[in-house]
Amino acid sequence: MPGCKASGGTSRPLGLVGSLCHSAAMNNAPLAAPAAAVTLHWAVADTWLGPMLLAVRDGRICRLSFDEDPAALQRLFPRAELRPAGEETAALVARAAAAVEAPGLAHDLPLDLSGTPFQQAVWQALAQVPAGETVSYQELARQAGHPAAVRAAGTACGANRIAVLIPCHRARRGDGTPGGYAYGLHRKARLQARERGDLFD
């Protein structure tokens, strides 16, 4: 993956950059498709954004979402065996919930990323947007190496299966309007406000 170099500065989520680069280093191609037969351990935790569903595959987070239940997870991973998370993943669930509570802080959570090279490049670009700032889909496409693929950049944000930890809430349209967000524009606005320091509850 191009651009896998963490730059200095406390406002950048360097842990995510590292997670993205680690995923690329571990795999010369995108990770196995979500339909592949795997075992997922899942849990639901309360957060300020509502109930958070977390799924873990081989010790790495492969899904973080809101307003979902295990049935939704099974639809996303139709061949996966779902098991409730036990003590072995309790610490990871707690760390993910803490990261959601403070979305502007760096994290080093292990992420299980599955996407095309272009999607990976878009997520990498998002990871380098300072907390409290936003970036246009056009700029994301440019940084991903395909400046004309603006719509595809928006689609890459929508394909992100790990909310908040991959900060697609920092993406916007070129005219400054918020664009879409899988978990509601109200959550997108609240995430951005908290990162700016305008929202604390």
C-alpha atoms as a PDB file:
ATOM      1  CA  MET A   1       0.000   0.000   0.000  1.00  0.00           C
ATOM      2  CA  PRO A   2       1.459   3.385  -0.908  1.00  0.00           C
ATOM      3  CA  GLY A   3       1.940   5.986   1.740  1.00  0.00           C
ATOM      4  CA  CYS A   4       2.322   3.710   4.752  1.00  0.00           C
ATOM      5  CA  LYS A   5       4.453   6.124   6.703  1.00  0.00           C
ATOM      6  CA  ALA A   6       3.221   7.610   9.960  1.00  0.00           C
ATOM      7  CA  SER A   7       3.953  11.303  10.271  1.00  0.00           C
ATOM      8  CA  GLY A   8       4.441  13.260  13.476  1.00  0.00           C
ATOM      9  CA  GLY A   9       1.817  15.221  15.397  1.00  0.00           C
ATOM     10  CA  THR A  10      -0.535  14.244  18.167  1.00  0.00           C
ATOM     11  CA  SER A  11      -3.696  15.110  16.237  1.00  0.00           C
ATOM     12  CA  ARG A  12      -3.257  12.317  13.720  1.00  0.00           C
ATOM     13  CA  PRO A  13      -4.567   8.810  14.505  1.00  0.00           C
ATOM     14  CA  LEU A  14      -1.192   7.144  14.080  1.00  0.00           C
ATOM     15  CA  GLY A  15      -2.402   3.860  15.506  1.00  0.00           C
ATOM     16  CA  LEU A  16      -4.844   3.499  12.640  1.00  0.00           C
ATOM     17  CA  VAL A  17      -2.128   4.229  10.100  1.00  0.00           C
ATOM     18  CA  GLY A  18      -0.083   1.489  11.712  1.00  0.00           C
ATOM     19  CA  SER A  19      -3.012  -0.920  11.678  1.00  0.00           C
ATOM     20  CA  LEU A  20      -3.665  -0.254   8.013  1.00  0.00           C
ATOM     21  CA  CYS A  21      -0.026  -0.703   7.104  1.00  0.00           C
ATOM     22  CA  HIS A  22       0.249  -3.847   9.223  1.00  0.00           C
ATOM     23  CA  SER A  23      -2.738  -5.309   7.399  1.00  0.00           C
ATOM     24  CA  ALA A  24      -1.135  -4.554   4.045  1.00  0.00           C
ATOM     25  CA  ALA A  25       2.191  -5.978   5.136  1.00  0.00           C
ATOM     26  CA  MET A  26       0.566  -9.203   6.264  1.00  0.00           C
ATOM     27  CA  ASN A  27      -1.203  -9.651   2.944  1.00  0.00           C
ATOM     28  CA  ASN A  28      -0.027  -9.007  -0.608  1.00  0.00           C
ATOM     29  CA  ALA A  29      -3.717  -8.981  -1.639  1.00  0.00           C
ATOM     30  CA  PRO A  30      -6.853  -7.859   0.213  1.00  0.00           C
ATOM     31  CA  LEU A  31      -7.874 -10.051   3.128  1.00  0.00           C
ATOM     32  CA  ALA A  32     -10.202 -12.967   2.564  1.00  0.00           C
ATOM     33  CA  ALA A  33     -13.684 -11.988   1.458  1.00  0.00           C
ATOM     34  CA  PRO A  34     -16.200 -11.638   4.292  1.00  0.00           C
ATOM     35  CA  ALA A  35     -18.092 -14.652   2.959  1.00  0.00           C
ATOM     36  CA  ALA A  36     -15.155 -16.967   3.722  1.00  0.00           C
ATOM     37  CA  ALA A  37     -15.779 -19.541   6.445  1.00  0.00           C
ATOM     38  CA  VAL A  38     -14.500 -18.019   9.687  1.00  0.00           C
ATOM     39  CA  THR A  39     -15.345 -17.832  13.359  1.00  0.00           C
ATOM     40  CA  LEU A  40     -16.380 -14.431  14.646  1.00  0.00           C
ATOM     41  CA  HIS A  41     -16.653 -13.507  18.307  1.00  0.00           C
ATOM     42  CA  TRP A  42     -19.148 -10.702  18.887  1.00  0.00           C
ATOM     43  CA  ALA A  43     -20.263  -8.444  21.698  1.00  0.00           C
ATOM     44  CA  VAL A  44     -22.526  -5.450  22.219  1.00  0.00           C
ATOM     45  CA  ALA A  45     -21.361  -2.574  24.425  1.00  0.00           C
ATOM     46  CA  ASP A  46     -23.062   0.655  25.467  1.00  0.00           C
ATOM     47  CA  THR A  47     -21.452   3.848  24.135  1.00  0.00           C
ATOM     48  CA  TRP A  48     -22.390   7.511  23.927  1.00  0.00           C
ATOM     49  CA  LEU A  49     -23.432   6.842  20.312  1.00  0.00           C
ATOM     50  CA  GLY A  50     -25.711   3.971  21.304  1.00  0.00           C
ATOM     51  CA  PRO A  51     -25.209   0.204  21.404  1.00  0.00           C
ATOM     52  CA  MET A  52     -21.986  -0.752  19.621  1.00  0.00           C
ATOM     53  CA  LEU A  53     -21.713  -4.135  17.935  1.00  0.00           C
ATOM     54  CA  LEU A  54     -18.147  -5.424  17.740  1.00  0.00           C
ATOM     55  CA  ALA A  55     -16.964  -8.534  15.918  1.00  0.00           C
ATOM     56  CA  VAL A  56     -13.499 -10.031  16.202  1.00  0.00           C
ATOM     57  CA  ARG A  57     -11.801 -12.451  13.831  1.00  0.00           C
ATOM     58  CA  ASP A  58      -8.507 -14.047  14.856  1.00  0.00           C
ATOM     59  CA  GLY A  59      -7.894 -11.383  17.457  1.00  0.00           C
ATOM     60  CA  ARG A  60      -8.583  -8.437  15.130  1.00  0.00           C
ATOM     61  CA  ILE A  61     -11.661  -6.241  14.814  1.00  0.00           C
ATOM     62  CA  CYS A  62     -13.534  -6.893  11.586  1.00  0.00           C
ATOM     63  CA  ARG A  63     -16.781  -5.079  12.381  1.00  0.00           C
ATOM     64  CA  LEU A  64     -17.755  -2.083  14.500  1.00  0.00           C
ATOM     65  CA  SER A  65     -21.245  -0.783  13.942  1.00  0.00           C
ATOM     66  CA  PHE A  66     -24.271   0.759  15.613  1.00  0.00           C
ATOM     67  CA  ASP A  67     -27.943  -0.197  15.577  1.00  0.00           C
ATOM     68  CA  GLU A  68     -27.066  -3.763  14.592  1.00  0.00           C
ATOM     69  CA  ASP A  69     -27.532  -7.146  16.187  1.00  0.00           C
ATOM     70  CA  PRO A  70     -25.952 -10.572  15.548  1.00  0.00           C
ATOM     71  CA  ALA A  71     -28.531 -11.251  12.839  1.00  0.00           C
ATOM     72  CA  ALA A  72     -27.177  -8.309  10.856  1.00  0.00           C
ATOM     73  CA  LEU A  73     -23.665  -9.599  11.424  1.00  0.00           C
ATOM     74  CA  GLN A  74     -24.663 -13.010  10.093  1.00  0.00           C
ATOM     75  CA  ARG A  75     -26.054 -11.395   6.937  1.00  0.00           C
ATOM     76  CA  LEU A  76     -22.769  -9.580   6.406  1.00  0.00           C
ATOM     77  CA  PHE A  77     -20.716 -12.736   7.031  1.00  0.00           C
ATOM     78  CA  PRO A  78     -23.131 -15.445   5.829  1.00  0.00           C
ATOM     79  CA  ARG A  79     -20.720 -18.374   6.191  1.00  0.00           C
ATOM     80  CA  ALA A  80     -19.241 -17.299   9.514  1.00  0.00           C
ATOM     81  CA  GLU A  81     -19.809 -19.126  12.768  1.00  0.00           C
ATOM     82  CA  LEU A  82     -20.851 -16.542  15.346  1.00  0.00           C
ATOM     83  CA  ARG A  83     -19.916 -16.975  18.979  1.00  0.00           C
ATOM     84  CA  PRO A  84     -20.516 -14.570  21.876  1.00  0.00           C
ATOM     85  CA  ALA A  85     -17.284 -12.943  22.977  1.00  0.00           C
ATOM     86  CA  GLY A  86     -15.707 -14.403  26.087  1.00  0.00           C
ATOM     87  CA  GLU A  87     -12.989 -13.355  28.456  1.00  0.00           C
ATOM     88  CA  GLU A  88     -10.357 -13.687  25.746  1.00  0.00           C
ATOM     89  CA  THR A  89     -11.836 -10.736  23.837  1.00  0.00           C
ATOM     90  CA  ALA A  90     -13.239  -8.697  26.745  1.00  0.00           C
ATOM     91  CA  ALA A  91     -10.215  -6.401  26.869  1.00  0.00           C
ATOM     92  CA  LEU A  92     -10.411  -5.710  23.125  1.00  0.00           C
ATOM     93  CA  VAL A  93     -14.122  -4.886  23.402  1.00  0.00           C
ATOM     94  CA  ALA A  94     -13.378  -2.483  26.257  1.00  0.00           C
ATOM     95  CA  ARG A  95     -10.578  -0.804  24.294  1.00  0.00           C
ATOM     96  CA  ALA A  96     -12.826  -0.388  21.251  1.00  0.00           C
ATOM     97  CA  ALA A  97     -15.578   1.149  23.382  1.00  0.00           C
ATOM     98  CA  ALA A  98     -13.025   3.531  24.905  1.00  0.00           C
ATOM     99  CA  ALA A  99     -11.857   4.529  21.421  1.00  0.00           C
ATOM    100  CA  VAL A 100     -15.441   5.320  20.428  1.00  0.00           C
ATOM    101  CA  GLU A 101     -15.774   7.491  23.524  1.00  0.00           C
ATOM    102  CA  ALA A 102     -12.720   9.515  22.430  1.00  0.00           C
ATOM    103  CA  PRO A 103     -12.790   9.376  18.609  1.00  0.00           C
ATOM    104  CA  GLY A 104     -10.152  12.076  18.198  1.00  0.00           C
ATOM    105  CA  LEU A 105      -7.422  10.187  20.011  1.00  0.00           C
ATOM    106  CA  ALA A 106      -4.929   7.832  18.401  1.00  0.00           C
ATOM    107  CA  HIS A 107      -5.499   4.107  18.808  1.00  0.00           C
ATOM    108  CA  ASP A 108      -3.478   1.000  18.131  1.00  0.00           C
ATOM    109  CA  LEU A 109      -6.344  -1.458  17.945  1.00  0.00           C
ATOM    110  CA  PRO A 110      -5.759  -4.453  15.633  1.00  0.00           C
ATOM    111  CA  LEU A 111      -8.010  -4.195  12.579  1.00  0.00           C
ATOM    112  CA  ASP A 112      -8.986  -6.938  10.166  1.00  0.00           C
ATOM    113  CA  LEU A 113      -9.448  -5.019   6.924  1.00  0.00           C
ATOM    114  CA  SER A 114     -11.023  -6.403   3.782  1.00  0.00           C
ATOM    115  CA  GLY A 115     -11.134  -4.182   0.728  1.00  0.00           C
ATOM    116  CA  THR A 116      -9.811  -3.439  -2.726  1.00  0.00           C
ATOM    117  CA  PRO A 117      -6.489  -1.608  -3.100  1.00  0.00           C
ATOM    118  CA  PHE A 118      -8.401   1.589  -3.866  1.00  0.00           C
ATOM    119  CA  GLN A 119     -10.572   1.221  -0.764  1.00  0.00           C
ATOM    120  CA  GLN A 120      -7.488   0.580   1.337  1.00  0.00           C
ATOM    121  CA  ALA A 121      -5.897   3.731  -0.077  1.00  0.00           C
ATOM    122  CA  VAL A 122      -8.996   5.794   0.754  1.00  0.00           C
ATOM    123  CA  TRP A 123      -9.030   4.465   4.320  1.00  0.00           C
ATOM    124  CA  GLN A 124      -5.323   5.252   4.591  1.00  0.00           C
ATOM    125  CA  ALA A 125      -6.009   8.830   3.485  1.00  0.00           C
ATOM    126  CA  LEU A 126      -8.820   9.136   6.036  1.00  0.00           C
ATOM    127  CA  ALA A 127      -6.489   7.896   8.759  1.00  0.00           C
ATOM    128  CA  GLN A 128      -4.231  10.876   8.141  1.00  0.00           C
ATOM    129  CA  VAL A 129      -6.951  13.541   8.456  1.00  0.00           C
ATOM    130  CA  PRO A 130      -6.403  15.346  11.772  1.00  0.00           C
ATOM    131  CA  ALA A 131      -9.199  14.925  14.299  1.00  0.00           C
ATOM    132  CA  GLY A 132     -11.662  17.775  14.148  1.00  0.00           C
ATOM    133  CA  GLU A 133     -11.112  18.328  10.433  1.00  0.00           C
ATOM    134  CA  THR A 134     -12.896  16.956   7.373  1.00  0.00           C
ATOM    135  CA  VAL A 135     -11.852  16.014   3.858  1.00  0.00           C
ATOM    136  CA  SER A 136     -13.783  15.963   0.583  1.00  0.00           C
ATOM    137  CA  TYR A 137     -14.432  12.821  -1.399  1.00  0.00           C
ATOM    138  CA  GLN A 138     -12.586  14.501  -4.275  1.00  0.00           C
ATOM    139  CA  GLU A 139      -9.489  14.939  -2.137  1.00  0.00           C
ATOM    140  CA  LEU A 140      -9.722  11.349  -0.924  1.00  0.00           C
ATOM    141  CA  ALA A 141      -9.843  10.164  -4.537  1.00  0.00           C
ATOM    142  CA  ARG A 142      -6.806  12.295  -5.368  1.00  0.00           C
ATOM    143  CA  GLN A 143      -4.815  10.958  -2.423  1.00  0.00           C
ATOM    144  CA  ALA A 144      -5.822   7.412  -3.365  1.00  0.00           C
ATOM    145  CA  GLY A 145      -4.216   7.962  -6.787  1.00  0.00           C
ATOM    146  CA  HIS A 146      -7.419   8.221  -8.861  1.00  0.00           C
ATOM    147  CA  PRO A 147      -8.543  11.878  -8.850  1.00  0.00           C
ATOM    148  CA  ALA A 148     -11.491  11.231 -11.159  1.00  0.00           C
ATOM    149  CA  ALA A 149     -12.924   8.473  -8.947  1.00  0.00           C
ATOM    150  CA  VAL A 150     -14.836  10.801  -6.625  1.00  0.00           C
ATOM    151  CA  ARG A 151     -17.956   8.641  -6.506  1.00  0.00           C
ATOM    152  CA  ALA A 152     -15.833   5.558  -5.868  1.00  0.00           C
ATOM    153  CA  ALA A 153     -14.200   7.344  -2.933  1.00  0.00           C
ATOM    154  CA  GLY A 154     -17.640   7.856  -1.419  1.00  0.00           C
ATOM    155  CA  THR A 155     -18.423   4.204  -2.048  1.00  0.00           C
ATOM    156  CA  ALA A 156     -15.191   3.230  -0.299  1.00  0.00           C
ATOM    157  CA  CYS A 157     -16.320   5.169   2.765  1.00  0.00           C
ATOM    158  CA  GLY A 158     -19.634   3.335   2.647  1.00  0.00           C
ATOM    159  CA  ALA A 159     -17.813   0.003   2.355  1.00  0.00           C
ATOM    160  CA  ASN A 160     -15.944   0.634   5.603  1.00  0.00           C
ATOM    161  CA  ARG A 161     -17.010  -2.040   8.092  1.00  0.00           C
ATOM    162  CA  ILE A 162     -15.215  -0.548  11.103  1.00  0.00           C
ATOM    163  CA  ALA A 163     -16.949   2.663  12.100  1.00  0.00           C
ATOM    164  CA  VAL A 164     -15.103   5.401  14.022  1.00  0.00           C
ATOM    165  CA  LEU A 165     -11.818   3.456  14.130  1.00  0.00           C
ATOM    166  CA  ILE A 166     -11.569   4.048  10.394  1.00  0.00           C
ATOM    167  CA  PRO A 167     -12.830   7.639  10.487  1.00  0.00           C
ATOM    168  CA  CYS A 168     -15.178   7.853   7.524  1.00  0.00           C
ATOM    169  CA  HIS A 169     -17.157  10.374   9.572  1.00  0.00           C
ATOM    170  CA  ARG A 170     -14.475  12.895   8.523  1.00  0.00           C
ATOM    171  CA  ALA A 171     -15.445  12.647   4.836  1.00  0.00           C
ATOM    172  CA  ARG A 172     -17.718  15.207   3.188  1.00  0.00           C
ATOM    173  CA  ARG A 173     -18.849  16.417  -0.198  1.00  0.00           C
ATOM    174  CA  GLY A 174     -16.869  19.016  -2.084  1.00  0.00           C
ATOM    175  CA  ASP A 175     -19.511  21.698  -1.411  1.00  0.00           C
ATOM    176  CA  GLY A 176     -19.075  21.256   2.335  1.00  0.00           C
ATOM    177  CA  THR A 177     -22.293  19.329   2.950  1.00  0.00           C
ATOM    178  CA  PRO A 178     -21.883  16.171   5.020  1.00  0.00           C
ATOM    179  CA  GLY A 179     -22.656  13.514   2.422  1.00  0.00           C
ATOM    180  CA  GLY A 180     -23.802  10.165   3.781  1.00  0.00           C
ATOM    181  CA  TYR A 181     -23.105   8.057   6.828  1.00  0.00           C
ATOM    182  CA  ALA A 182     -24.255   4.493   7.392  1.00  0.00           C
ATOM    183  CA  TYR A 183     -25.305   5.144  10.996  1.00  0.00           C
ATOM    184  CA  GLY A 184     -27.122   8.426  10.451  1.00  0.00           C
ATOM    185  CA  LEU A 185     -26.015  11.980   9.818  1.00  0.00           C
ATOM    186  CA  HIS A 186     -26.820  12.829  13.438  1.00  0.00           C
ATOM    187  CA  ARG A 187     -24.048  10.478  14.563  1.00  0.00           C
ATOM    188  CA  LYS A 188     -21.676  11.879  11.949  1.00  0.00           C
ATOM    189  CA  ALA A 189     -22.326  15.407  13.210  1.00  0.00           C
ATOM    190  CA  ARG A 190     -21.875  14.373  16.842  1.00  0.00           C
ATOM    191  CA  LEU A 191     -18.593  12.613  16.101  1.00  0.00           C
ATOM    192  CA  GLN A 192     -17.238  15.666  14.305  1.00  0.00           C
ATOM    193  CA  ALA A 193     -18.419  17.949  17.118  1.00  0.00           C
ATOM    194  CA  ARG A 194     -16.751  15.807  19.774  1.00  0.00           C
ATOM    195  CA  GLU A 195     -13.505  15.765  17.825  1.00  0.00           C
ATOM    196  CA  ARG A 196     -13.600  19.559  17.622  1.00  0.00           C
ATOM    197  CA  GLY A 197     -14.178  19.734  21.366  1.00  0.00           C
ATOM    198  CA  ASP A 198     -17.711  21.101  20.968  1.00  0.00           C
ATOM    199  CA  LEU A 199     -19.512  18.096  22.459  1.00  0.00           C
ATOM    200  CA  PHE A 200     -18.661  16.279  25.669  1.00  0.00           C
ATOM    201  CA  ASP A 201     -21.726  14.198  26.623  1.00  0.00           C
END
